[in-house]
N, C-alpha and C. Protein backbone atom coordinates (compact mmCIF):
# COMPACT_ATOMS: atom_id res chain seq x y z
N UNK A 1 -66.04 -10.42 -72.01
CA UNK A 1 -64.75 -11.00 -72.03
C UNK A 1 -63.72 -9.90 -71.74
N UNK A 2 -64.25 -8.45 -71.78
CA UNK A 2 -63.51 -7.32 -71.20
C UNK A 2 -63.64 -7.16 -69.97
N UNK A 3 -64.96 -7.54 -69.24
CA UNK A 3 -65.26 -7.45 -67.81
C UNK A 3 -64.18 -8.36 -67.25
N UNK A 4 -64.09 -9.71 -67.83
CA UNK A 4 -63.22 -10.49 -67.00
C UNK A 4 -61.68 -10.12 -66.98
N UNK A 5 -61.45 -9.60 -68.11
CA UNK A 5 -59.83 -8.84 -68.12
C UNK A 5 -59.68 -7.77 -67.47
N UNK A 6 -60.59 -7.09 -67.19
CA UNK A 6 -60.71 -6.01 -66.15
C UNK A 6 -60.55 -6.43 -64.88
N UNK A 7 -61.48 -7.21 -64.45
CA UNK A 7 -61.58 -7.79 -63.06
C UNK A 7 -60.27 -8.30 -62.78
N UNK A 8 -59.35 -9.25 -63.63
CA UNK A 8 -58.13 -9.93 -63.72
C UNK A 8 -57.34 -8.67 -63.19
N UNK A 9 -56.86 -7.77 -64.13
CA UNK A 9 -56.13 -6.83 -63.65
C UNK A 9 -56.31 -6.00 -62.57
N UNK A 10 -57.64 -5.70 -62.22
CA UNK A 10 -57.69 -4.89 -61.09
C UNK A 10 -57.48 -6.00 -59.93
N UNK A 11 -57.62 -7.10 -59.67
CA UNK A 11 -57.21 -8.23 -58.66
C UNK A 11 -55.86 -8.39 -58.73
N UNK A 12 -55.14 -8.15 -59.78
CA UNK A 12 -53.76 -8.54 -59.80
C UNK A 12 -52.99 -7.23 -59.17
N UNK A 13 -53.54 -6.23 -59.34
CA UNK A 13 -53.06 -4.72 -58.92
C UNK A 13 -53.40 -4.59 -57.22
N UNK A 14 -54.57 -5.31 -56.99
CA UNK A 14 -54.72 -5.19 -55.71
C UNK A 14 -53.91 -6.23 -54.88
N UNK A 15 -53.93 -7.26 -55.37
CA UNK A 15 -52.89 -8.25 -54.55
C UNK A 15 -51.43 -8.00 -54.50
N UNK A 16 -51.02 -7.27 -55.55
CA UNK A 16 -49.57 -6.61 -55.63
C UNK A 16 -49.41 -5.61 -54.52
N UNK A 17 -50.58 -4.52 -54.47
CA UNK A 17 -50.49 -3.43 -53.26
C UNK A 17 -50.70 -4.18 -52.13
N UNK A 18 -51.62 -5.20 -51.80
CA UNK A 18 -51.42 -5.69 -50.43
C UNK A 18 -50.21 -6.31 -50.11
N UNK A 19 -49.85 -7.16 -51.33
CA UNK A 19 -48.44 -7.77 -50.74
C UNK A 19 -47.63 -6.82 -50.47
N UNK A 20 -47.35 -5.72 -51.05
CA UNK A 20 -46.24 -4.44 -50.74
C UNK A 20 -46.59 -4.22 -49.38
N UNK A 21 -47.70 -3.81 -49.20
CA UNK A 21 -48.20 -3.24 -47.49
C UNK A 21 -47.50 -4.03 -46.60
N UNK A 22 -47.87 -5.67 -46.86
CA UNK A 22 -47.74 -6.72 -45.75
C UNK A 22 -46.21 -6.70 -46.02
N UNK A 23 -45.40 -6.71 -46.80
CA UNK A 23 -43.84 -6.69 -46.70
C UNK A 23 -43.59 -5.52 -45.93
N UNK A 24 -43.99 -4.30 -46.34
CA UNK A 24 -43.57 -2.77 -45.74
C UNK A 24 -43.74 -3.40 -44.00
N UNK A 25 -44.91 -3.48 -43.78
CA UNK A 25 -45.01 -3.75 -42.47
C UNK A 25 -44.10 -4.78 -41.82
N UNK A 26 -43.93 -6.01 -42.26
CA UNK A 26 -42.85 -6.96 -41.75
C UNK A 26 -41.39 -6.54 -41.66
N UNK A 27 -41.14 -5.80 -42.68
CA UNK A 27 -39.89 -5.23 -42.69
C UNK A 27 -39.71 -4.14 -41.62
N UNK A 28 -40.72 -3.30 -41.40
CA UNK A 28 -40.57 -2.25 -40.39
C UNK A 28 -40.90 -2.73 -38.89
N UNK A 29 -41.57 -3.93 -38.71
CA UNK A 29 -41.48 -4.46 -37.26
C UNK A 29 -40.30 -5.15 -37.26
N UNK A 30 -39.49 -5.85 -38.09
CA UNK A 30 -38.27 -6.51 -37.97
C UNK A 30 -37.29 -5.18 -37.60
N UNK A 31 -37.06 -4.34 -38.46
CA UNK A 31 -36.15 -3.34 -37.93
C UNK A 31 -36.38 -2.72 -36.82
N UNK A 32 -37.64 -2.46 -36.51
CA UNK A 32 -37.88 -1.83 -34.82
C UNK A 32 -37.43 -2.60 -33.73
N UNK A 33 -37.73 -4.15 -34.11
CA UNK A 33 -37.12 -4.93 -33.21
C UNK A 33 -35.56 -5.05 -33.04
N UNK A 34 -34.94 -4.91 -34.13
CA UNK A 34 -33.51 -4.96 -33.90
C UNK A 34 -32.87 -3.33 -33.50
N UNK A 35 -33.62 -2.40 -33.79
CA UNK A 35 -33.22 -1.05 -33.45
C UNK A 35 -33.51 -1.43 -31.81
N UNK A 36 -34.34 -1.88 -31.19
CA UNK A 36 -34.74 -1.97 -29.91
C UNK A 36 -33.32 -2.60 -29.13
N UNK A 37 -32.90 -3.86 -29.97
CA UNK A 37 -31.82 -4.48 -29.39
C UNK A 37 -30.38 -3.80 -29.30
N UNK A 38 -30.14 -2.86 -30.41
CA UNK A 38 -29.01 -1.93 -30.44
C UNK A 38 -29.37 -0.87 -29.08
N UNK A 39 -30.46 -0.37 -28.91
CA UNK A 39 -30.68 0.53 -27.77
C UNK A 39 -30.47 -0.08 -26.41
N UNK A 40 -30.93 -1.33 -26.18
CA UNK A 40 -30.75 -1.93 -24.94
C UNK A 40 -29.34 -2.36 -24.81
N UNK A 41 -28.38 -2.48 -25.85
CA UNK A 41 -27.12 -2.63 -25.63
C UNK A 41 -26.41 -1.40 -25.30
N UNK A 42 -26.78 -0.15 -25.61
CA UNK A 42 -26.26 1.19 -25.24
C UNK A 42 -26.59 1.31 -23.78
N UNK A 43 -27.81 1.09 -23.31
CA UNK A 43 -28.30 1.13 -22.07
C UNK A 43 -27.79 0.17 -21.14
N UNK A 44 -27.25 -0.97 -21.35
CA UNK A 44 -26.60 -1.96 -20.85
C UNK A 44 -25.19 -1.47 -20.43
N UNK A 45 -24.48 -0.74 -21.57
CA UNK A 45 -23.21 -0.44 -21.28
C UNK A 45 -23.37 0.81 -20.32
N UNK A 46 -24.45 1.54 -20.25
CA UNK A 46 -24.54 2.81 -19.59
C UNK A 46 -24.67 2.51 -18.02
N UNK A 47 -25.39 1.21 -17.91
CA UNK A 47 -25.40 0.84 -16.48
C UNK A 47 -24.28 0.31 -16.05
N UNK A 48 -23.35 -0.48 -16.89
CA UNK A 48 -22.00 -0.81 -16.20
C UNK A 48 -21.12 0.14 -16.07
N UNK A 49 -21.15 1.25 -16.88
CA UNK A 49 -20.34 2.46 -16.49
C UNK A 49 -20.56 3.28 -15.22
N UNK A 50 -22.06 3.19 -14.86
CA UNK A 50 -22.50 3.81 -13.71
C UNK A 50 -22.10 2.95 -12.42
N UNK A 51 -22.16 1.68 -12.71
CA UNK A 51 -21.69 0.91 -11.65
C UNK A 51 -20.26 1.11 -11.35
N UNK A 52 -19.73 1.04 -12.28
CA UNK A 52 -17.88 1.21 -12.12
C UNK A 52 -17.79 2.73 -11.55
N UNK A 53 -18.29 3.83 -12.08
CA UNK A 53 -18.04 4.93 -11.29
C UNK A 53 -18.60 5.01 -10.01
N UNK A 54 -19.71 4.25 -9.53
CA UNK A 54 -20.26 4.20 -8.38
C UNK A 54 -19.26 3.32 -7.25
N UNK A 55 -18.42 2.43 -7.85
CA UNK A 55 -17.46 1.91 -6.98
C UNK A 55 -16.09 2.38 -6.75
N UNK A 56 -15.81 3.48 -7.80
CA UNK A 56 -14.54 4.19 -7.52
C UNK A 56 -14.35 4.88 -6.26
N UNK A 57 -15.18 5.71 -5.59
CA UNK A 57 -15.00 6.33 -4.41
C UNK A 57 -14.83 5.29 -3.22
N UNK A 58 -15.75 4.14 -3.34
CA UNK A 58 -15.34 3.29 -2.25
C UNK A 58 -13.93 2.69 -2.33
N UNK A 59 -13.42 2.40 -3.45
CA UNK A 59 -12.13 1.98 -3.83
C UNK A 59 -11.10 2.90 -3.20
N UNK A 60 -11.17 4.26 -3.66
CA UNK A 60 -10.21 5.26 -3.13
C UNK A 60 -10.26 5.49 -1.63
N UNK A 61 -11.61 5.22 -0.80
CA UNK A 61 -11.62 5.34 0.39
C UNK A 61 -10.98 4.24 1.16
N UNK A 62 -11.15 3.02 0.43
CA UNK A 62 -10.01 1.86 1.27
C UNK A 62 -8.57 2.30 1.11
N UNK A 63 -8.45 2.60 -0.06
CA UNK A 63 -6.80 2.87 -0.02
C UNK A 63 -6.31 3.99 0.81
N UNK A 64 -7.31 5.00 0.86
CA UNK A 64 -6.92 6.16 1.89
C UNK A 64 -6.59 5.62 3.19
N UNK A 65 -7.20 4.69 3.44
CA UNK A 65 -6.96 3.90 4.90
C UNK A 65 -5.73 3.63 5.18
N UNK A 66 -5.05 2.92 4.14
CA UNK A 66 -3.80 2.27 4.35
C UNK A 66 -2.74 3.02 3.44
N UNK A 67 -2.98 3.89 2.45
CA UNK A 67 -1.71 4.58 1.80
C UNK A 67 -2.16 6.03 1.38
N UNK A 68 -2.55 6.76 2.21
CA UNK A 68 -2.90 8.12 2.34
C UNK A 68 -2.09 9.20 1.64
N UNK A 69 -0.81 8.57 1.83
CA UNK A 69 0.09 9.54 1.33
C UNK A 69 0.35 9.53 0.00
N UNK A 70 -0.12 8.48 -0.56
CA UNK A 70 -0.39 8.28 -2.01
C UNK A 70 -1.46 9.41 -2.89
N UNK A 71 -1.17 10.61 -2.38
CA UNK A 71 -2.32 11.59 -2.70
C UNK A 71 -2.24 11.85 -4.40
N UNK A 72 -0.99 11.65 -4.78
CA UNK A 72 -1.29 11.96 -6.28
C UNK A 72 -2.08 11.03 -7.02
N UNK A 73 -2.15 9.76 -6.61
CA UNK A 73 -2.72 8.81 -7.47
C UNK A 73 -4.11 8.78 -7.05
N UNK A 74 -4.22 9.13 -6.04
CA UNK A 74 -5.98 9.09 -5.50
C UNK A 74 -6.56 10.41 -6.17
N UNK A 75 -5.61 11.43 -6.23
CA UNK A 75 -6.33 12.65 -6.91
C UNK A 75 -6.44 12.43 -8.32
N UNK A 76 -5.54 11.66 -8.78
CA UNK A 76 -5.52 11.36 -10.37
C UNK A 76 -6.72 10.47 -10.67
N UNK A 77 -7.00 9.32 -9.81
CA UNK A 77 -8.10 8.60 -9.91
C UNK A 77 -9.62 9.64 -9.76
N UNK A 78 -9.51 10.30 -8.76
CA UNK A 78 -10.74 11.06 -8.72
C UNK A 78 -11.00 12.07 -9.63
N UNK A 79 -10.06 12.62 -10.07
CA UNK A 79 -9.99 13.65 -11.64
C UNK A 79 -10.69 12.89 -12.62
N UNK A 80 -10.03 11.60 -12.89
CA UNK A 80 -10.41 11.15 -14.00
C UNK A 80 -11.93 10.56 -13.85
N UNK A 81 -12.25 10.03 -12.65
CA UNK A 81 -13.47 9.65 -12.67
C UNK A 81 -14.69 10.85 -12.98
N UNK A 82 -14.29 12.15 -12.42
CA UNK A 82 -15.29 13.28 -12.69
C UNK A 82 -15.38 13.77 -13.69
N UNK A 83 -14.08 13.40 -14.74
CA UNK A 83 -14.13 13.78 -16.02
C UNK A 83 -14.79 12.87 -16.83
N UNK A 84 -14.81 11.55 -16.51
CA UNK A 84 -15.46 10.54 -17.33
C UNK A 84 -16.83 10.68 -17.20
N UNK A 85 -17.40 10.88 -15.90
CA UNK A 85 -18.59 11.07 -15.66
C UNK A 85 -19.45 12.58 -16.24
N UNK A 86 -18.32 13.42 -16.24
CA UNK A 86 -19.06 14.67 -17.20
C UNK A 86 -18.71 14.34 -18.74
N UNK A 87 -17.87 13.52 -19.02
CA UNK A 87 -17.70 13.30 -20.66
C UNK A 87 -16.94 14.64 -21.24
N UNK A 88 -16.16 15.10 -20.22
CA UNK A 88 -15.04 15.99 -20.80
C UNK A 88 -14.03 15.99 -21.73
N UNK A 89 -13.52 14.70 -21.77
CA UNK A 89 -12.50 14.50 -22.84
C UNK A 89 -13.35 14.30 -24.20
N UNK A 90 -12.74 14.59 -25.36
CA UNK A 90 -13.03 14.37 -26.43
C UNK A 90 -12.95 12.74 -27.28
N UNK A 91 -13.79 12.12 -27.84
CA UNK A 91 -13.81 10.98 -28.32
C UNK A 91 -13.73 9.76 -27.41
N UNK A 92 -14.23 10.00 -26.19
CA UNK A 92 -14.37 8.92 -25.07
C UNK A 92 -13.01 8.76 -24.55
N UNK A 93 -12.26 9.60 -24.51
CA UNK A 93 -10.84 9.07 -23.99
C UNK A 93 -10.71 9.18 -22.39
N UNK A 94 -11.87 10.01 -21.83
CA UNK A 94 -12.32 10.08 -20.28
C UNK A 94 -12.07 8.89 -19.63
N UNK A 95 -12.83 7.66 -20.45
CA UNK A 95 -12.81 6.55 -19.88
C UNK A 95 -11.39 5.79 -19.87
N UNK A 96 -10.70 6.06 -20.92
CA UNK A 96 -9.43 5.33 -21.04
C UNK A 96 -8.45 5.95 -19.98
N UNK A 97 -8.64 7.36 -19.79
CA UNK A 97 -7.81 7.78 -18.73
C UNK A 97 -8.12 7.42 -17.36
N UNK A 98 -9.61 7.19 -17.21
CA UNK A 98 -10.23 6.46 -15.81
C UNK A 98 -9.64 5.06 -15.70
N UNK A 99 -9.46 4.50 -17.05
CA UNK A 99 -8.96 2.95 -16.55
C UNK A 99 -7.66 2.95 -16.39
N UNK A 100 -6.70 3.82 -16.81
CA UNK A 100 -5.39 3.99 -16.56
C UNK A 100 -5.14 4.35 -15.22
N UNK A 101 -5.93 5.36 -14.85
CA UNK A 101 -5.52 5.74 -13.31
C UNK A 101 -6.23 4.96 -12.23
N UNK A 102 -7.24 3.97 -12.68
CA UNK A 102 -7.69 2.85 -11.82
C UNK A 102 -6.38 1.58 -11.57
N UNK A 103 -5.84 1.43 -13.09
CA UNK A 103 -4.85 0.37 -12.96
C UNK A 103 -3.85 0.89 -11.92
N UNK A 104 -3.44 2.24 -11.82
CA UNK A 104 -2.34 2.79 -10.98
C UNK A 104 -2.92 2.47 -9.49
N UNK A 105 -4.17 2.69 -9.25
CA UNK A 105 -4.68 2.57 -7.89
C UNK A 105 -4.51 1.37 -7.43
N UNK A 106 -4.98 0.36 -8.43
CA UNK A 106 -5.02 -0.99 -7.97
C UNK A 106 -3.26 -1.75 -7.86
N UNK A 107 -2.37 -1.09 -8.60
CA UNK A 107 -0.92 -1.24 -8.34
C UNK A 107 -0.62 -0.86 -6.87
N UNK A 108 -1.31 0.06 -6.22
CA UNK A 108 -0.78 0.38 -4.94
C UNK A 108 -1.30 -0.90 -3.96
N UNK A 109 -2.07 -1.73 -4.53
CA UNK A 109 -2.18 -2.81 -3.47
C UNK A 109 -0.74 -3.87 -3.70
N UNK A 110 -0.05 -3.65 -4.53
CA UNK A 110 1.12 -4.54 -4.41
C UNK A 110 2.21 -3.96 -3.64
N UNK A 111 2.17 -2.24 -3.84
CA UNK A 111 3.12 -1.83 -2.75
C UNK A 111 2.73 -1.86 -1.39
N UNK A 112 1.46 -2.01 -0.90
CA UNK A 112 1.16 -2.14 0.49
C UNK A 112 0.49 -3.32 0.70
N UNK A 113 1.38 -4.33 1.42
CA UNK A 113 0.55 -5.55 1.62
C UNK A 113 -0.50 -5.74 2.81
N UNK A 114 -0.35 -4.71 3.45
CA UNK A 114 -1.64 -4.40 4.22
C UNK A 114 -2.92 -4.21 3.65
N UNK A 115 -3.00 -3.25 2.74
CA UNK A 115 -3.81 -3.01 1.74
C UNK A 115 -4.58 -4.02 1.14
N UNK A 116 -3.28 -5.03 0.25
CA UNK A 116 -3.54 -6.00 -0.39
C UNK A 116 -4.47 -7.07 0.26
N UNK A 117 -4.02 -7.08 1.68
CA UNK A 117 -4.56 -8.07 2.59
C UNK A 117 -5.87 -7.53 3.07
N UNK A 118 -6.29 -6.59 2.93
CA UNK A 118 -7.86 -6.07 3.23
C UNK A 118 -8.77 -6.81 2.52
N UNK A 119 -9.56 -7.37 3.38
CA UNK A 119 -10.97 -7.92 2.73
C UNK A 119 -11.85 -7.02 1.97
N UNK A 120 -12.00 -5.71 2.45
CA UNK A 120 -12.68 -4.53 1.85
C UNK A 120 -11.89 -4.40 0.25
N UNK A 121 -10.95 -4.11 0.49
CA UNK A 121 -10.08 -3.88 -0.59
C UNK A 121 -10.31 -4.87 -1.59
N UNK A 122 -9.80 -6.15 -1.37
CA UNK A 122 -10.10 -7.29 -2.12
C UNK A 122 -11.58 -7.50 -2.71
N UNK A 123 -12.30 -7.14 -1.83
CA UNK A 123 -13.83 -7.21 -2.25
C UNK A 123 -14.12 -6.27 -3.50
N UNK A 124 -13.52 -5.00 -3.17
CA UNK A 124 -13.97 -3.91 -4.05
C UNK A 124 -13.26 -4.39 -5.33
N UNK A 125 -12.02 -4.86 -5.25
CA UNK A 125 -11.14 -4.90 -6.37
C UNK A 125 -11.93 -6.31 -7.41
N UNK A 126 -12.29 -7.15 -6.68
CA UNK A 126 -12.97 -8.08 -7.29
C UNK A 126 -14.20 -7.75 -7.99
N UNK A 127 -15.14 -6.96 -7.03
CA UNK A 127 -16.26 -6.42 -7.73
C UNK A 127 -16.12 -5.39 -8.95
N UNK A 128 -14.89 -4.73 -8.98
CA UNK A 128 -14.65 -3.86 -10.03
C UNK A 128 -14.08 -4.73 -11.15
N UNK A 129 -13.23 -5.97 -11.14
CA UNK A 129 -13.11 -6.83 -12.10
C UNK A 129 -14.17 -7.26 -12.60
N UNK A 130 -15.17 -7.91 -11.85
CA UNK A 130 -16.46 -8.28 -12.55
C UNK A 130 -17.16 -7.19 -13.32
N UNK A 131 -17.16 -5.90 -12.69
CA UNK A 131 -17.93 -5.04 -13.60
C UNK A 131 -17.20 -4.85 -15.10
N UNK A 132 -15.88 -4.80 -15.00
CA UNK A 132 -15.17 -4.66 -16.35
C UNK A 132 -15.37 -5.80 -17.30
N UNK A 133 -15.59 -6.87 -16.62
CA UNK A 133 -16.08 -8.09 -17.52
C UNK A 133 -17.43 -7.92 -17.96
N UNK A 134 -18.28 -7.43 -17.18
CA UNK A 134 -19.59 -7.40 -17.44
C UNK A 134 -19.77 -6.18 -18.58
N UNK A 135 -18.95 -5.02 -18.58
CA UNK A 135 -18.87 -3.87 -19.26
C UNK A 135 -18.42 -4.45 -20.98
N UNK A 136 -17.22 -5.37 -20.74
CA UNK A 136 -16.72 -6.05 -22.10
C UNK A 136 -17.79 -6.69 -22.83
N UNK A 137 -18.56 -7.35 -21.90
CA UNK A 137 -19.62 -8.44 -22.60
C UNK A 137 -20.82 -7.61 -23.31
N UNK A 138 -21.18 -6.41 -22.28
CA UNK A 138 -22.24 -5.51 -22.97
C UNK A 138 -21.52 -4.90 -24.40
N UNK A 139 -20.43 -4.50 -24.34
CA UNK A 139 -19.79 -3.85 -25.57
C UNK A 139 -20.01 -4.94 -26.78
N UNK A 140 -19.68 -6.18 -26.47
CA UNK A 140 -19.54 -7.30 -27.42
C UNK A 140 -21.12 -7.42 -28.09
N UNK A 141 -21.98 -7.63 -26.95
CA UNK A 141 -23.18 -7.82 -27.16
C UNK A 141 -23.89 -6.56 -28.14
N UNK A 142 -23.49 -5.19 -27.86
CA UNK A 142 -23.92 -3.93 -28.66
C UNK A 142 -23.52 -4.23 -29.97
N UNK A 143 -22.25 -4.71 -30.09
CA UNK A 143 -21.60 -4.59 -31.30
C UNK A 143 -22.32 -5.67 -32.31
N UNK A 144 -22.71 -6.98 -31.57
CA UNK A 144 -23.42 -7.96 -32.45
C UNK A 144 -24.87 -7.30 -32.67
N UNK A 145 -25.46 -6.76 -31.86
CA UNK A 145 -26.79 -6.15 -32.14
C UNK A 145 -26.82 -5.24 -33.29
N UNK A 146 -25.64 -4.38 -33.21
CA UNK A 146 -25.73 -3.53 -34.17
C UNK A 146 -25.14 -4.01 -35.48
N UNK A 147 -24.46 -5.03 -35.45
CA UNK A 147 -24.28 -5.87 -36.78
C UNK A 147 -25.50 -6.40 -37.49
N UNK A 148 -26.46 -7.33 -36.39
CA UNK A 148 -27.70 -7.71 -36.85
C UNK A 148 -28.53 -6.59 -37.44
N UNK A 149 -28.72 -5.37 -36.86
CA UNK A 149 -29.50 -4.46 -37.26
C UNK A 149 -29.10 -3.96 -38.92
N UNK A 150 -27.61 -3.49 -38.84
CA UNK A 150 -27.24 -3.04 -40.32
C UNK A 150 -27.32 -4.03 -41.23
N UNK A 151 -27.16 -5.44 -41.13
CA UNK A 151 -27.40 -6.45 -41.81
C UNK A 151 -28.90 -6.65 -42.20
N UNK A 152 -29.66 -6.31 -41.54
CA UNK A 152 -31.18 -6.37 -41.71
C UNK A 152 -31.39 -5.04 -42.60
N UNK A 153 -30.99 -4.04 -42.40
CA UNK A 153 -31.22 -2.76 -42.89
C UNK A 153 -30.90 -2.82 -44.34
N UNK A 154 -29.37 -3.41 -44.50
CA UNK A 154 -28.77 -3.49 -46.04
C UNK A 154 -29.12 -4.41 -46.60
N UNK A 155 -30.00 -5.43 -46.23
CA UNK A 155 -30.41 -6.59 -47.15
C UNK A 155 -31.85 -6.37 -47.83
N UNK A 156 -31.82 -7.21 -49.02
CA UNK A 156 -32.86 -6.75 -49.81
C UNK A 156 -34.07 -7.51 -49.35
N UNK A 157 -35.22 -6.96 -49.35
CA UNK A 157 -35.87 -5.67 -49.87
C UNK A 157 -35.90 -4.74 -48.77
N UNK A 158 -35.38 -4.95 -47.52
CA UNK A 158 -35.44 -3.87 -46.46
C UNK A 158 -34.64 -2.68 -47.02
N UNK A 159 -33.56 -2.76 -47.80
CA UNK A 159 -32.54 -1.47 -48.26
C UNK A 159 -33.53 -0.55 -49.38
N UNK A 160 -34.40 -1.17 -49.67
CA UNK A 160 -35.37 -0.36 -50.56
C UNK A 160 -36.25 0.69 -49.75
N UNK A 161 -36.62 0.19 -48.50
CA UNK A 161 -37.47 1.01 -47.57
C UNK A 161 -37.08 1.58 -46.24
N UNK A 162 -35.87 1.06 -45.85
CA UNK A 162 -35.38 1.27 -44.47
C UNK A 162 -34.93 2.89 -44.54
N UNK A 163 -34.46 3.69 -45.38
CA UNK A 163 -34.26 5.02 -45.30
C UNK A 163 -35.43 5.81 -45.14
N UNK A 164 -36.55 5.27 -46.15
CA UNK A 164 -37.83 5.98 -46.46
C UNK A 164 -38.48 5.77 -44.80
N UNK A 165 -38.37 4.73 -44.31
CA UNK A 165 -39.00 4.52 -43.04
C UNK A 165 -38.20 5.11 -41.74
N UNK A 166 -37.10 5.76 -41.97
CA UNK A 166 -36.47 6.56 -41.04
C UNK A 166 -35.34 5.48 -40.07
N UNK A 167 -34.82 4.51 -40.82
CA UNK A 167 -33.98 3.51 -40.22
C UNK A 167 -32.52 3.83 -40.70
N UNK A 168 -31.77 4.48 -39.79
CA UNK A 168 -30.45 4.82 -40.08
C UNK A 168 -29.43 3.81 -39.66
N UNK A 169 -28.09 3.99 -39.89
CA UNK A 169 -27.23 2.64 -39.81
C UNK A 169 -26.67 2.95 -38.18
N UNK A 170 -26.75 1.56 -37.53
CA UNK A 170 -26.14 1.54 -36.35
C UNK A 170 -24.79 1.79 -36.10
N UNK A 171 -24.36 2.58 -35.33
CA UNK A 171 -22.77 2.69 -35.29
C UNK A 171 -22.26 2.15 -34.23
N UNK A 172 -21.24 1.17 -34.25
CA UNK A 172 -20.61 0.33 -33.53
C UNK A 172 -19.98 1.50 -32.25
N UNK A 173 -19.65 2.24 -32.70
CA UNK A 173 -18.62 3.30 -31.93
C UNK A 173 -19.56 4.50 -31.15
N UNK A 174 -20.77 4.40 -31.45
CA UNK A 174 -21.67 5.49 -31.04
C UNK A 174 -22.11 5.66 -29.65
N UNK A 175 -20.80 5.50 -28.73
CA UNK A 175 -21.16 5.24 -27.31
C UNK A 175 -20.76 6.57 -26.55
N UNK A 176 -20.52 7.79 -27.15
CA UNK A 176 -20.27 9.05 -26.66
C UNK A 176 -21.18 9.42 -25.56
N UNK A 177 -22.20 9.31 -25.80
CA UNK A 177 -23.10 9.94 -24.68
C UNK A 177 -23.11 8.74 -23.46
N UNK A 178 -23.26 7.43 -23.71
CA UNK A 178 -23.04 6.61 -22.78
C UNK A 178 -21.83 6.41 -21.77
N UNK A 179 -20.82 6.79 -22.51
CA UNK A 179 -19.38 6.61 -21.96
C UNK A 179 -19.37 7.96 -20.91
N UNK A 180 -20.15 8.95 -21.11
CA UNK A 180 -20.41 10.03 -20.01
C UNK A 180 -20.68 9.49 -18.69
N UNK A 181 -21.45 8.36 -18.59
CA UNK A 181 -21.83 7.80 -17.59
C UNK A 181 -22.57 8.71 -16.48
N UNK A 182 -23.68 8.85 -16.53
CA UNK A 182 -24.43 9.84 -15.39
C UNK A 182 -24.18 9.01 -13.92
N UNK A 183 -23.25 9.93 -13.09
CA UNK A 183 -23.16 9.48 -11.58
C UNK A 183 -24.08 10.21 -10.71
N UNK A 184 -24.76 9.36 -9.89
CA UNK A 184 -25.69 9.78 -9.23
C UNK A 184 -24.95 9.73 -7.54
N UNK A 185 -26.00 9.80 -6.57
CA UNK A 185 -25.46 9.87 -5.20
C UNK A 185 -24.73 8.59 -5.04
N UNK A 186 -23.43 8.66 -4.44
CA UNK A 186 -22.70 7.51 -4.48
C UNK A 186 -22.36 7.22 -3.00
N UNK A 187 -22.61 5.75 -2.60
CA UNK A 187 -22.38 5.47 -1.19
C UNK A 187 -20.85 5.59 -1.01
N UNK A 188 -20.41 5.91 0.26
CA UNK A 188 -18.96 6.01 0.67
C UNK A 188 -18.63 5.04 1.60
N UNK A 189 -17.52 4.58 1.62
CA UNK A 189 -17.06 3.83 2.78
C UNK A 189 -15.97 4.41 3.07
N UNK A 190 -16.04 4.55 4.58
CA UNK A 190 -14.90 5.41 5.25
C UNK A 190 -14.28 4.56 6.36
N UNK A 191 -12.97 4.65 6.48
CA UNK A 191 -12.51 3.71 7.75
C UNK A 191 -12.04 4.96 9.00
């Protein structure tokens, strides 16, 4: 009778230990998958920022051909682009300054009908609009991925093990590095 009871308790402890290990593996794999989705979201935003930064010199060159005497606006755009590329402004404000400078540049199209009628300018303006739309979509996707990751991390039983397994909270606003936007060689359009 004692051997059967000892065997029962040994089996029960073994089943609980194996179950716990299987549960830990499942939680770990789910959190890894969700963390990768967050990382992919950050990479998507970085790609869109690079594309935006690559379009700006072409847009400036197109405007120079028609409104070269608007030097202060053109310089503001170039300065804001370079600051955004380096991430000079604290708190991601360099991208906001760039957006404002781009809005001023695009407003020149209204002041110069020849520029507004230029097929090159219109094409670049449409392409920039598409990049901005894609950037907004990438930010929404990142926020959704971060929300899914955080919900999985904070739900039971993952909350018991996530910290031990090295899974920190995904930050919705953790785009500082991505906002810097690494700008490589940029093709230029000259008239």
